[in-house]
Structure formats: structure tokens, C-alpha cells
Amino acid sequence: MKVRKNLEAVFLAATVMVTFAAYATADVPVRAMAAPAHAAAADSNMTVVVVSAKRLSAAEKAVQQ
């Protein structure tokens, strides 16, 4: 009868234990090591795109809406 009375507490305690067990036994992914600083300089043929345009005036914005 006591278990029925405290079933919520038993459920919460079991949930907490299972959650901690799952974190304790989970595989930790191996993080990629940062590339050395000279590797960034070696990739100097990277394409760079520059976008430029004039800002619209309030009248032009009103026409487009």
C-alpha cells in the first residue's frame, strides 16, 4: 500500500537514476582538433564575393510594397 501511495516519488527517482545512467554510459564524440594557423594562409585561393547596392529611399520602398 505504501508503494501505491508514493508511486510518483518512486517514478521520479527511477527517472532520475535512468537519466544519469544514460549520460554516464554515453559515448563522448571525439572533437576535431583545430587546424593550425598556417593552414588558413595556405587556402588563399578561396573565392570571396562582395555584394553592394544602393539603399532604397522611402518613396522607392513604398512603390515596391
Protein backbone atom coordinates (compact mmCIF):
# COMPACT_ATOMS: atom_id res chain seq x y z
CA MET A 1 0.00 0.00 0.00
CA LYS A 2 2.90 2.35 0.73
CA VAL A 3 4.29 1.86 -2.77
CA ARG A 4 0.96 2.86 -4.28
CA LYS A 5 0.85 5.91 -2.05
CA ASN A 6 4.36 7.03 -3.07
CA LEU A 7 4.28 5.84 -6.67
CA GLU A 8 5.02 9.33 -8.01
CA ALA A 9 8.17 9.61 -5.88
CA VAL A 10 9.31 6.13 -6.96
CA PHE A 11 8.74 7.03 -10.62
CA LEU A 12 10.67 10.30 -10.31
CA ALA A 13 13.56 8.61 -8.51
CA ALA A 14 13.74 5.90 -11.18
CA THR A 15 13.62 8.52 -13.94
CA VAL A 16 16.47 10.49 -12.39
CA MET A 17 18.59 7.36 -11.99
CA VAL A 18 17.98 6.25 -15.59
CA THR A 19 18.79 9.72 -16.90
CA PHE A 20 22.10 9.90 -15.05
CA ALA A 21 22.96 6.36 -16.11
CA ALA A 22 22.31 7.27 -19.74
CA TYR A 23 24.65 10.26 -19.52
CA ALA A 24 27.30 8.26 -17.68
CA THR A 25 27.38 5.48 -20.26
CA ALA A 26 27.03 7.61 -23.42
CA ASP A 27 29.91 7.73 -25.85
CA VAL A 28 31.69 11.05 -25.90
CA PRO A 29 32.35 12.13 -29.50
CA VAL A 30 35.93 12.91 -30.39
CA ARG A 31 36.19 16.58 -31.24
CA ALA A 32 38.12 17.60 -34.30
CA MET A 33 41.29 19.41 -33.45
CA ALA A 34 41.61 22.98 -34.62
CA ALA A 35 43.59 23.43 -37.79
CA PRO A 36 46.99 25.08 -37.38
CA ALA A 37 47.21 28.79 -38.16
CA HIS A 38 49.33 28.23 -41.25
CA ALA A 39 46.59 26.10 -42.84
CA ALA A 40 44.32 29.15 -43.16
CA ALA A 41 47.00 31.05 -45.04
CA ALA A 42 47.54 28.10 -47.39
CA ASP A 43 43.91 28.33 -48.55
CA SER A 44 44.38 31.74 -50.18
CA ASN A 45 42.57 30.76 -53.38
CA MET A 46 39.20 30.92 -51.62
CA THR A 47 36.53 32.79 -53.60
CA VAL A 48 35.29 35.97 -51.97
CA VAL A 49 32.00 37.51 -53.10
CA VAL A 50 31.27 41.17 -52.35
CA VAL A 51 27.68 42.34 -52.76
CA SER A 52 26.97 46.05 -52.87
CA ALA A 53 23.86 48.05 -53.75
CA LYS A 54 22.39 51.44 -53.06
CA ARG A 55 19.84 51.86 -50.30
CA LEU A 56 16.26 52.50 -51.31
CA SER A 57 14.61 55.75 -50.35
CA ALA A 58 11.28 55.76 -48.51
CA ALA A 59 9.44 56.53 -51.76
CA GLU A 60 11.08 53.59 -53.56
CA LYS A 61 10.24 51.24 -50.68
CA ALA A 62 6.60 52.36 -50.78
CA VAL A 63 6.41 51.67 -54.53
CA GLN A 64 7.78 48.13 -54.13
CA GLN A 65 5.27 47.14 -51.46
